[in-house]
Amino acid sequence: MVRELVYRIYERRLSASLRDGPLPRHVGVILDGNRRYARAHGLETASEGHRLGASRIPELLDWCHEFAIPYVTLWLLSTENLRRDEQEVGALVGIICETITGIASDPRNAARGVRVSGVGALDTLPDELRRAVKKAEEATRDGDGLHVQVAVGYGGRQEITDALRGLLEERAAHGQTLQEVIADLRPDHIAAHLYTTGTPDPDLIIRTSGEIRLSGFLMWQSAHSEFYFCDPYWPEFRKTDFLRALRDFASRTRRFGK
């Protein structure tokens, strides 16, 4: 009881300290550690860890709404994840479908104008997941509040490969030769074909579970992002951890390579 009270007081102080500081417009989150959490806590299957992790996502969206953060990208499924044990992948896909559908159908999110979009090689996803993403996008297309990007079937190298392929196909359709494309090529041409086109690059990327790497998450977009790595597995991630990430971001001087 006393510990919980102290925690709440600390949380309120952290929140108050952030009100006047710079906050990120776009937060990317690598929700890592579900399987290791399941093993560490003696759960029977990795899927139980994935389900517990999924149950934390609505809270994260609440925190983003509280601090008026307009964009959040959640890495829910990588291209590598799809190569795991078939039974685990099947269960994970089902959990992600439920999560995406839940975000789109939550009355609170509708009242807040939450919009959902999928980013990734969506054509390669299992039919069930692809349909869930499409339905969520259609149901929330008019949302003008928090924009939630769900990264599913996402890999940073694949995104850049697909962007370059899309650029070449577009230029070829307009009759340009390869030599002409090469002579005119600029970074913004490739950026216009990324999965996240139209969304600002992430200001802050958070990764849970103690891993200190991005694993290809938003490789192109994170050139000037601030990174925050923390030890808790994703199912253990608390509001205090999120507030600490925001505090750390606010304390940094961003130079954007200048």
Protein backbone atom coordinates (compact mmCIF):
# COMPACT_ATOMS: atom_id res chain seq x y z
CA MET A 1 0.00 0.00 0.00
CA VAL A 2 2.74 2.49 1.00
CA ARG A 3 4.85 1.51 -1.99
CA GLU A 4 1.90 2.08 -4.32
CA LEU A 5 1.23 5.50 -2.78
CA VAL A 6 4.87 6.54 -3.21
CA TYR A 7 4.75 5.33 -6.81
CA ARG A 8 1.66 7.43 -7.53
CA ILE A 9 3.17 10.54 -5.99
CA TYR A 10 6.33 10.06 -8.04
CA GLU A 11 4.25 9.53 -11.17
CA ARG A 12 2.30 12.76 -10.61
CA ARG A 13 5.51 14.72 -10.06
CA LEU A 14 7.00 13.32 -13.22
CA SER A 15 3.87 14.24 -15.16
CA ALA A 16 3.87 17.77 -13.78
CA SER A 17 7.54 18.25 -14.68
CA LEU A 18 6.78 17.48 -18.33
CA ARG A 19 3.97 19.94 -18.88
CA ASP A 20 6.19 22.82 -20.00
CA GLY A 21 8.98 20.85 -21.63
CA PRO A 22 9.40 19.84 -25.27
CA LEU A 23 7.55 16.64 -26.07
CA PRO A 24 7.87 14.37 -29.11
CA ARG A 25 5.28 14.63 -31.87
CA HIS A 26 5.91 11.06 -32.94
CA VAL A 27 6.91 8.17 -30.67
CA GLY A 28 7.96 4.80 -32.05
CA VAL A 29 7.80 1.83 -29.69
CA ILE A 30 9.55 -1.53 -30.05
CA LEU A 31 7.37 -3.66 -27.77
CA ASP A 32 10.04 -6.21 -26.94
CA GLY A 33 10.35 -8.97 -24.38
CA ASN A 34 6.98 -10.76 -24.38
CA ARG A 35 8.50 -14.21 -24.83
CA ARG A 36 11.25 -13.64 -22.28
CA TYR A 37 8.66 -12.35 -19.81
CA ALA A 38 6.67 -15.56 -20.30
CA ARG A 39 9.76 -17.70 -19.62
CA ALA A 40 10.88 -15.63 -16.62
CA HIS A 41 7.44 -15.91 -15.01
CA GLY A 42 6.89 -19.60 -15.70
CA LEU A 43 4.02 -19.12 -18.16
CA GLU A 44 3.15 -22.18 -20.18
CA THR A 45 3.49 -20.66 -23.64
CA ALA A 46 5.03 -17.63 -25.33
CA SER A 47 1.51 -16.72 -26.45
CA GLU A 48 0.58 -15.89 -22.86
CA GLY A 49 3.38 -13.34 -22.84
CA HIS A 50 2.19 -11.92 -26.16
CA ARG A 51 -1.35 -11.61 -24.83
CA LEU A 52 -0.19 -9.84 -21.67
CA GLY A 53 1.87 -7.50 -23.81
CA ALA A 54 -1.11 -6.75 -26.03
CA SER A 55 -3.17 -5.86 -22.96
CA ARG A 56 -0.77 -2.98 -22.20
CA ILE A 57 -1.26 -1.22 -25.52
CA PRO A 58 -4.52 0.60 -24.62
CA GLU A 59 -2.71 2.12 -21.62
CA LEU A 60 0.11 3.35 -23.84
CA LEU A 61 -2.41 5.02 -26.15
CA ASP A 62 -4.03 6.66 -23.12
CA TRP A 63 -0.65 8.10 -22.10
CA CYS A 64 -0.02 9.43 -25.60
CA HIS A 65 -3.45 11.04 -25.59
CA GLU A 66 -2.81 12.57 -22.15
CA PHE A 67 0.33 14.30 -23.42
CA ALA A 68 -1.18 15.24 -26.79
CA ILE A 69 1.33 13.19 -28.75
CA PRO A 70 -0.19 13.06 -32.24
CA TYR A 71 1.64 10.04 -33.71
CA VAL A 72 2.71 6.67 -32.33
CA THR A 73 4.10 3.69 -34.23
CA LEU A 74 3.91 0.27 -32.59
CA TRP A 75 6.12 -2.53 -33.91
CA LEU A 76 3.85 -5.54 -33.45
CA LEU A 77 5.23 -8.04 -35.96
CA SER A 78 8.51 -8.11 -37.86
CA THR A 79 9.26 -9.99 -41.06
CA GLU A 80 11.57 -12.22 -38.95
CA ASN A 81 8.73 -13.01 -36.49
CA LEU A 82 6.84 -14.68 -39.33
CA ARG A 83 9.60 -17.33 -39.51
CA ARG A 84 9.04 -18.56 -35.96
CA ASP A 85 7.31 -21.78 -34.97
CA GLU A 86 4.06 -22.10 -36.91
CA GLN A 87 1.93 -22.57 -33.80
CA GLU A 88 3.40 -19.49 -32.09
CA VAL A 89 3.00 -17.38 -35.24
CA GLY A 90 -0.62 -18.45 -35.60
CA ALA A 91 -1.40 -17.51 -32.01
CA LEU A 92 0.50 -14.22 -32.33
CA VAL A 93 -1.34 -13.27 -35.51
CA GLY A 94 -4.65 -13.90 -33.75
CA ILE A 95 -3.63 -11.71 -30.81
CA ILE A 96 -2.50 -8.90 -33.12
CA CYS A 97 -5.77 -9.10 -35.04
CA GLU A 98 -7.71 -8.75 -31.79
CA THR A 99 -5.48 -5.86 -30.71
CA ILE A 100 -5.87 -3.90 -33.94
CA THR A 101 -9.61 -4.52 -34.03
CA GLY A 102 -9.86 -3.48 -30.39
CA ILE A 103 -8.05 -0.19 -31.01
CA ALA A 104 -10.33 0.63 -33.93
CA SER A 105 -13.57 -0.31 -32.15
CA ASP A 106 -12.86 1.20 -28.71
CA PRO A 107 -15.49 3.94 -28.10
CA ARG A 108 -12.93 6.04 -26.23
CA ASN A 109 -10.62 5.98 -29.22
CA ALA A 110 -13.49 6.90 -31.51
CA ALA A 111 -14.30 9.88 -29.28
CA ARG A 112 -10.64 10.94 -29.39
CA GLY A 113 -10.48 10.65 -33.17
CA VAL A 114 -7.89 7.86 -33.19
CA ARG A 115 -6.85 6.79 -36.67
CA VAL A 116 -5.20 3.44 -37.41
CA SER A 117 -2.99 2.60 -40.36
CA GLY A 118 -0.80 -0.37 -41.17
CA VAL A 119 2.85 -0.06 -42.16
CA GLY A 120 4.79 -2.99 -43.51
CA ALA A 121 4.77 -5.44 -46.39
CA LEU A 122 1.02 -5.88 -45.92
CA ASP A 123 0.59 -8.03 -49.03
CA THR A 124 2.75 -10.73 -47.45
CA LEU A 125 0.67 -11.01 -44.27
CA PRO A 126 -1.68 -13.88 -43.45
CA ASP A 127 -5.14 -13.12 -44.85
CA GLU A 128 -6.67 -12.81 -41.38
CA LEU A 129 -4.24 -10.10 -40.35
CA ARG A 130 -4.37 -8.23 -43.63
CA ARG A 131 -8.16 -8.06 -43.39
CA ALA A 132 -8.00 -6.84 -39.78
CA VAL A 133 -5.64 -4.03 -40.74
CA LYS A 134 -7.79 -3.00 -43.70
CA LYS A 135 -10.98 -2.96 -41.64
CA ALA A 136 -9.32 -0.90 -38.90
CA GLU A 137 -8.06 1.59 -41.48
CA GLU A 138 -11.50 1.91 -43.05
CA ALA A 139 -13.28 2.24 -39.70
CA THR A 140 -10.97 5.03 -38.49
CA ARG A 141 -10.10 6.84 -41.72
CA ASP A 142 -11.83 10.06 -40.61
CA GLY A 143 -10.03 10.24 -37.27
CA ASP A 144 -8.27 13.54 -36.68
CA GLY A 145 -6.67 12.71 -33.33
CA LEU A 146 -3.89 10.32 -32.39
CA HIS A 147 -2.58 8.50 -35.46
CA VAL A 148 -1.62 4.94 -34.53
CA GLN A 149 0.61 3.19 -37.03
CA VAL A 150 0.75 -0.57 -36.50
CA ALA A 151 3.94 -2.01 -37.96
CA VAL A 152 3.11 -5.56 -39.02
CA GLY A 153 5.18 -7.67 -41.37
CA TYR A 154 7.64 -4.82 -41.03
CA GLY A 155 11.38 -4.87 -41.71
CA GLY A 156 13.54 -1.80 -42.26
CA ARG A 157 15.59 -3.26 -45.10
CA GLN A 158 12.46 -4.54 -46.81
CA GLU A 159 10.86 -1.10 -46.51
CA ILE A 160 13.78 0.62 -48.22
CA THR A 161 13.88 -2.09 -50.90
CA ASP A 162 10.15 -1.68 -51.54
CA ALA A 163 10.48 2.11 -51.60
CA LEU A 164 13.22 1.97 -54.23
CA ARG A 165 11.23 -0.56 -56.25
CA GLY A 166 8.16 1.69 -56.09
CA LEU A 167 10.18 4.70 -57.21
CA LEU A 168 11.66 2.83 -60.19
CA GLU A 169 8.25 1.50 -61.21
CA GLU A 170 6.76 5.00 -61.02
CA ARG A 171 9.53 6.56 -63.09
CA ALA A 172 9.41 3.74 -65.64
CA ALA A 173 5.66 4.29 -66.03
CA HIS A 174 6.44 7.92 -66.90
CA GLY A 175 8.94 6.83 -69.54
CA GLN A 176 12.16 7.64 -67.73
CA THR A 177 15.24 5.56 -68.36
CA LEU A 178 17.32 4.11 -65.52
CA GLN A 179 20.09 6.58 -66.33
CA GLU A 180 17.65 9.49 -66.02
CA VAL A 181 16.41 8.21 -62.66
CA ILE A 182 19.97 7.87 -61.37
CA ALA A 183 20.92 11.37 -62.50
CA ASP A 184 17.93 12.91 -60.71
CA LEU A 185 17.78 10.68 -57.61
CA ARG A 186 17.44 12.44 -54.23
CA PRO A 187 16.68 11.12 -50.72
CA ASP A 188 13.22 12.72 -50.71
CA HIS A 189 12.30 10.71 -53.82
CA ILE A 190 12.88 7.48 -51.89
CA ALA A 191 11.23 8.86 -48.75
CA ALA A 192 8.06 9.50 -50.74
CA HIS A 193 7.70 5.74 -51.27
CA LEU A 194 8.25 4.55 -47.70
CA TYR A 195 5.48 2.75 -45.82
CA THR A 196 5.16 5.81 -43.55
CA THR A 197 4.85 8.44 -46.27
CA GLY A 198 2.84 11.41 -44.98
CA THR A 199 3.82 10.80 -41.34
CA PRO A 200 6.58 12.84 -39.67
CA ASP A 201 9.72 10.96 -38.72
CA PRO A 202 9.81 9.70 -35.11
CA ASP A 203 11.29 12.12 -32.59
CA LEU A 204 11.65 9.41 -29.95
CA ILE A 205 12.02 5.64 -30.23
CA ILE A 206 11.54 3.51 -27.11
CA ARG A 207 12.68 -0.10 -26.84
CA THR A 208 11.87 -2.28 -23.85
CA SER A 209 13.52 -5.46 -22.49
CA GLY A 210 17.09 -4.20 -22.12
CA GLU A 211 18.11 -4.67 -25.76
CA ILE A 212 20.17 -1.74 -27.06
CA ARG A 213 19.56 -1.84 -30.80
CA LEU A 214 16.83 -0.93 -33.28
CA SER A 215 16.81 -4.24 -35.20
CA GLY A 216 15.88 -2.36 -38.36
CA PHE A 217 12.91 -0.45 -36.92
CA LEU A 218 12.26 2.68 -39.01
CA MET A 219 15.82 2.61 -40.33
CA TRP A 220 15.36 5.48 -42.75
CA GLN A 221 13.06 7.58 -40.59
CA SER A 222 15.18 7.35 -37.41
CA ALA A 223 18.21 9.25 -38.78
CA HIS A 224 17.62 12.08 -36.28
CA SER A 225 15.52 10.28 -33.68
CA GLU A 226 16.34 10.17 -29.98
CA PHE A 227 16.54 6.66 -28.52
CA TYR A 228 15.45 5.43 -25.10
CA PHE A 229 16.27 1.88 -24.01
CA CYS A 230 14.86 0.50 -20.77
CA ASP A 231 15.11 -2.80 -18.92
CA PRO A 232 11.48 -3.85 -18.24
CA TYR A 233 9.99 -6.43 -20.56
CA TRP A 234 7.07 -4.93 -22.47
CA PRO A 235 4.36 -6.55 -20.26
CA GLU A 236 6.03 -4.83 -17.27
CA PHE A 237 6.28 -1.39 -18.89
CA ARG A 238 4.57 1.18 -16.65
CA LYS A 239 3.47 4.76 -17.04
CA THR A 240 6.49 5.78 -14.98
CA ASP A 241 8.75 4.18 -17.59
CA PHE A 242 6.99 6.13 -20.32
CA LEU A 243 7.27 9.37 -18.36
CA ARG A 244 10.98 8.77 -17.81
CA ALA A 245 11.40 8.34 -21.56
CA LEU A 246 9.63 11.66 -22.15
CA ARG A 247 11.75 13.34 -19.47
CA ASP A 248 14.91 12.00 -21.06
CA PHE A 249 13.77 13.30 -24.44
CA ALA A 250 12.99 16.74 -23.00
CA SER A 251 16.48 16.98 -21.51
CA ARG A 252 18.28 16.48 -24.80
CA THR A 253 19.46 19.15 -27.25
CA ARG A 254 18.48 18.10 -30.73
CA ARG A 255 20.81 19.33 -33.50
CA PHE A 256 19.58 17.30 -36.49
CA GLY A 257 23.14 16.83 -37.67
CA LYS A 258 23.97 20.55 -37.62
